Structures are given as structure tokens and as C-alpha cells.
Amino acid sequence: MLSISPRKVVHIVYLAREGSVGDAEVHAFIDGLNDDEKSSLTAIAWVGRGAFEPEDYDEAVATAEAEATTPTADYLLGMPHLAENLENGLEALGIDVTAEEEDFLRQG
């Protein structure tokens, strides 16, 4: 299903929540993802903001791949409420990230 680990998405959520402090770090982190991970991340955000239904996730990924004309980090960081969109997207897709969140907080 996902081409990106929920742990990486949680990492991006926490970085995005840091605002300007985390912008450079989250930008670098997203830039370091492979193309499949970037498309999956974009699709999760789209599902989270309601642009696609959870059952249309594969279509969202294909659209993200086909329409990738700007760097993914630039696109996503320009999206209002990125952290909330990613959280909502994971939840809509039925992905429980409680363990990943706890691990991230312990290491942070």
C-alpha cells in the first residue's frame, strides 16, 4: 500500500509542526526520499485534506507521479496545514502510528 514508512511520515509531521525552525530540516528530509516515497507522501497529504478518498489512494499516487512538476518538498511545505493533512491522511487510510509517535518522542 504505502511506499513510505509511517515512521518517516511521523517524522515529517513533527518537523512540519516546528514551523520555521524545522523548515530547512523537513525540506532536506523530504528531498532525501526516493520518488516512490515522495509520491506516496503527497498522496497521503491529498487524502488527508479531502482531495482524494482513501479508496482512491492508488489514483492519488499515480496523479502525484504524473503531475510532479515542482520539487515535492517545495510543494508540500507550501501546503497549508501539512502536518494535519498527513495525520488525517494516515488515519483515513487506517494506519495507526501510535507506536511510531511514541518512538519518535522518546528519541527526540
C-alpha atoms as a PDB file:
ATOM      1  CA  MET A   1       0.000   0.000   0.000  1.00  0.00           C
ATOM      2  CA  LEU A   2       2.260   2.832   1.204  1.00  0.00           C
ATOM      3  CA  SER A   3       5.644   3.307  -0.433  1.00  0.00           C
ATOM      4  CA  ILE A   4       6.823   5.289   2.587  1.00  0.00           C
ATOM      5  CA  SER A   5       7.107   4.047   6.142  1.00  0.00           C
ATOM      6  CA  PRO A   6       4.662   5.510   8.652  1.00  0.00           C
ATOM      7  CA  ARG A   7       7.710   6.335  10.788  1.00  0.00           C
ATOM      8  CA  LYS A   8       9.024   8.704   8.102  1.00  0.00           C
ATOM      9  CA  VAL A   9       5.620  10.362   7.794  1.00  0.00           C
ATOM     10  CA  VAL A  10       5.508  10.869  11.576  1.00  0.00           C
ATOM     11  CA  HIS A  11       8.992  12.405  11.411  1.00  0.00           C
ATOM     12  CA  ILE A  12       7.797  14.862   8.750  1.00  0.00           C
ATOM     13  CA  VAL A  13       4.667  15.687  10.789  1.00  0.00           C
ATOM     14  CA  TYR A  14       6.766  16.612  13.810  1.00  0.00           C
ATOM     15  CA  LEU A  15       9.242  18.633  11.750  1.00  0.00           C
ATOM     16  CA  ALA A  16       6.423  20.468   9.964  1.00  0.00           C
ATOM     17  CA  ARG A  17       4.880  21.362  13.310  1.00  0.00           C
ATOM     18  CA  GLU A  18       8.077  23.131  14.344  1.00  0.00           C
ATOM     19  CA  GLY A  19       7.344  25.866  11.800  1.00  0.00           C
ATOM     20  CA  SER A  20      10.230  27.950  10.573  1.00  0.00           C
ATOM     21  CA  VAL A  21      12.608  26.196  12.955  1.00  0.00           C
ATOM     22  CA  GLY A  22      12.045  22.886  11.174  1.00  0.00           C
ATOM     23  CA  ASP A  23      11.596  24.124   7.598  1.00  0.00           C
ATOM     24  CA  ALA A  24      15.166  23.521   6.463  1.00  0.00           C
ATOM     25  CA  GLU A  25      15.296  20.137   8.159  1.00  0.00           C
ATOM     26  CA  VAL A  26      11.953  18.932   6.806  1.00  0.00           C
ATOM     27  CA  HIS A  27      12.874  20.241   3.340  1.00  0.00           C
ATOM     28  CA  ALA A  28      16.125  18.253   3.419  1.00  0.00           C
ATOM     29  CA  PHE A  29      14.364  15.176   4.786  1.00  0.00           C
ATOM     30  CA  ILE A  30      11.734  15.211   2.006  1.00  0.00           C
ATOM     31  CA  ASP A  31      14.414  15.885  -0.621  1.00  0.00           C
ATOM     32  CA  GLY A  32      16.204  12.746   0.591  1.00  0.00           C
ATOM     33  CA  LEU A  33      13.214  10.498  -0.061  1.00  0.00           C
ATOM     34  CA  ASN A  34      13.083   8.395  -3.212  1.00  0.00           C
ATOM     35  CA  ASP A  35      10.481   9.163  -5.910  1.00  0.00           C
ATOM     36  CA  ASP A  36       8.061   6.456  -4.736  1.00  0.00           C
ATOM     37  CA  GLU A  37       8.188   7.784  -1.171  1.00  0.00           C
ATOM     38  CA  LYS A  38       7.604  11.341  -2.376  1.00  0.00           C
ATOM     39  CA  SER A  39       4.568  10.315  -4.429  1.00  0.00           C
ATOM     40  CA  SER A  40       3.176   8.332  -1.524  1.00  0.00           C
ATOM     41  CA  LEU A  41       3.727  11.237   0.874  1.00  0.00           C
ATOM     42  CA  THR A  42       1.919  13.624  -1.463  1.00  0.00           C
ATOM     43  CA  ALA A  43      -0.951  11.160  -1.859  1.00  0.00           C
ATOM     44  CA  ILE A  44      -1.294  10.821   1.932  1.00  0.00           C
ATOM     45  CA  ALA A  45      -1.495  14.608   2.252  1.00  0.00           C
ATOM     46  CA  TRP A  46      -4.126  14.772  -0.508  1.00  0.00           C
ATOM     47  CA  VAL A  47      -6.240  12.094   1.174  1.00  0.00           C
ATOM     48  CA  GLY A  48      -5.867  13.988   4.442  1.00  0.00           C
ATOM     49  CA  ARG A  49      -7.168  17.235   3.001  1.00  0.00           C
ATOM     50  CA  GLY A  50     -10.021  15.509   1.190  1.00  0.00           C
ATOM     51  CA  ALA A  51      -8.803  15.861  -2.388  1.00  0.00           C
ATOM     52  CA  PHE A  52      -8.962  12.055  -2.742  1.00  0.00           C
ATOM     53  CA  GLU A  53     -10.936   9.438  -0.859  1.00  0.00           C
ATOM     54  CA  PRO A  54      -8.946   6.756   0.988  1.00  0.00           C
ATOM     55  CA  GLU A  55     -10.101   4.121  -1.504  1.00  0.00           C
ATOM     56  CA  ASP A  56      -8.602   6.274  -4.290  1.00  0.00           C
ATOM     57  CA  TYR A  57      -5.129   6.305  -2.732  1.00  0.00           C
ATOM     58  CA  ASP A  58      -3.540   4.454  -5.691  1.00  0.00           C
ATOM     59  CA  GLU A  59      -5.038   7.031  -8.063  1.00  0.00           C
ATOM     60  CA  ALA A  60      -3.636   9.804  -5.836  1.00  0.00           C
ATOM     61  CA  VAL A  61      -0.165   8.248  -6.047  1.00  0.00           C
ATOM     62  CA  ALA A  62      -0.413   7.992  -9.841  1.00  0.00           C
ATOM     63  CA  THR A  63      -1.562  11.616 -10.024  1.00  0.00           C
ATOM     64  CA  ALA A  64       1.313  12.721  -7.786  1.00  0.00           C
ATOM     65  CA  GLU A  65       3.765  10.917 -10.068  1.00  0.00           C
ATOM     66  CA  ALA A  66       2.228  12.341 -13.262  1.00  0.00           C
ATOM     67  CA  GLU A  67       1.913  15.906 -12.004  1.00  0.00           C
ATOM     68  CA  ALA A  68       5.242  16.272 -10.201  1.00  0.00           C
ATOM     69  CA  THR A  69       6.442  19.485 -11.829  1.00  0.00           C
ATOM     70  CA  THR A  70       7.890  21.199  -8.755  1.00  0.00           C
ATOM     71  CA  PRO A  71      10.126  19.687  -6.111  1.00  0.00           C
ATOM     72  CA  THR A  72       7.990  17.705  -3.672  1.00  0.00           C
ATOM     73  CA  ALA A  73       9.388  19.483  -0.607  1.00  0.00           C
ATOM     74  CA  ASP A  74       8.548  22.888  -2.084  1.00  0.00           C
ATOM     75  CA  TYR A  75       5.043  21.756  -2.967  1.00  0.00           C
ATOM     76  CA  LEU A  76       4.273  20.134   0.377  1.00  0.00           C
ATOM     77  CA  LEU A  77       5.808  22.883   2.501  1.00  0.00           C
ATOM     78  CA  GLY A  78       3.653  25.368   0.615  1.00  0.00           C
ATOM     79  CA  MET A  79       0.547  23.396   1.588  1.00  0.00           C
ATOM     80  CA  PRO A  80      -1.378  24.933   4.480  1.00  0.00           C
ATOM     81  CA  HIS A  81      -1.756  22.547   7.410  1.00  0.00           C
ATOM     82  CA  LEU A  82       0.706  19.958   6.089  1.00  0.00           C
ATOM     83  CA  ALA A  83       1.099  18.194   9.450  1.00  0.00           C
ATOM     84  CA  GLU A  84      -2.662  17.912   9.935  1.00  0.00           C
ATOM     85  CA  ASN A  85      -3.171  16.729   6.352  1.00  0.00           C
ATOM     86  CA  LEU A  86      -0.597  13.974   6.815  1.00  0.00           C
ATOM     87  CA  GLU A  87      -2.087  12.904  10.147  1.00  0.00           C
ATOM     88  CA  ASN A  88      -5.606  12.913   8.718  1.00  0.00           C
ATOM     89  CA  GLY A  89      -4.419  11.011   5.662  1.00  0.00           C
ATOM     90  CA  LEU A  90      -2.813   8.264   7.709  1.00  0.00           C
ATOM     91  CA  GLU A  91      -5.920   8.000   9.868  1.00  0.00           C
ATOM     92  CA  ALA A  92      -8.225   7.886   6.827  1.00  0.00           C
ATOM     93  CA  LEU A  93      -6.079   5.112   5.372  1.00  0.00           C
ATOM     94  CA  GLY A  94      -6.447   3.150   8.611  1.00  0.00           C
ATOM     95  CA  ILE A  95      -2.780   3.390   9.571  1.00  0.00           C
ATOM     96  CA  ASP A  96      -2.167   3.533  13.313  1.00  0.00           C
ATOM     97  CA  VAL A  97       1.038   5.414  14.034  1.00  0.00           C
ATOM     98  CA  THR A  98       0.826   5.409  17.838  1.00  0.00           C
ATOM     99  CA  ALA A  99       3.960   3.258  18.211  1.00  0.00           C
ATOM    100  CA  GLU A 100       5.913   5.393  15.715  1.00  0.00           C
ATOM    101  CA  GLU A 101       4.860   8.583  17.534  1.00  0.00           C
ATOM    102  CA  GLU A 102       5.931   7.174  20.891  1.00  0.00           C
ATOM    103  CA  ASP A 103       9.301   6.069  19.478  1.00  0.00           C
ATOM    104  CA  PHE A 104       9.835   9.462  17.856  1.00  0.00           C
ATOM    105  CA  LEU A 105       9.046  11.318  21.077  1.00  0.00           C
ATOM    106  CA  ARG A 106      11.355   9.048  23.100  1.00  0.00           C
ATOM    107  CA  GLN A 107      14.240   9.656  20.703  1.00  0.00           C
ATOM    108  CA  GLY A 108      13.528  13.374  20.279  1.00  0.00           C
END
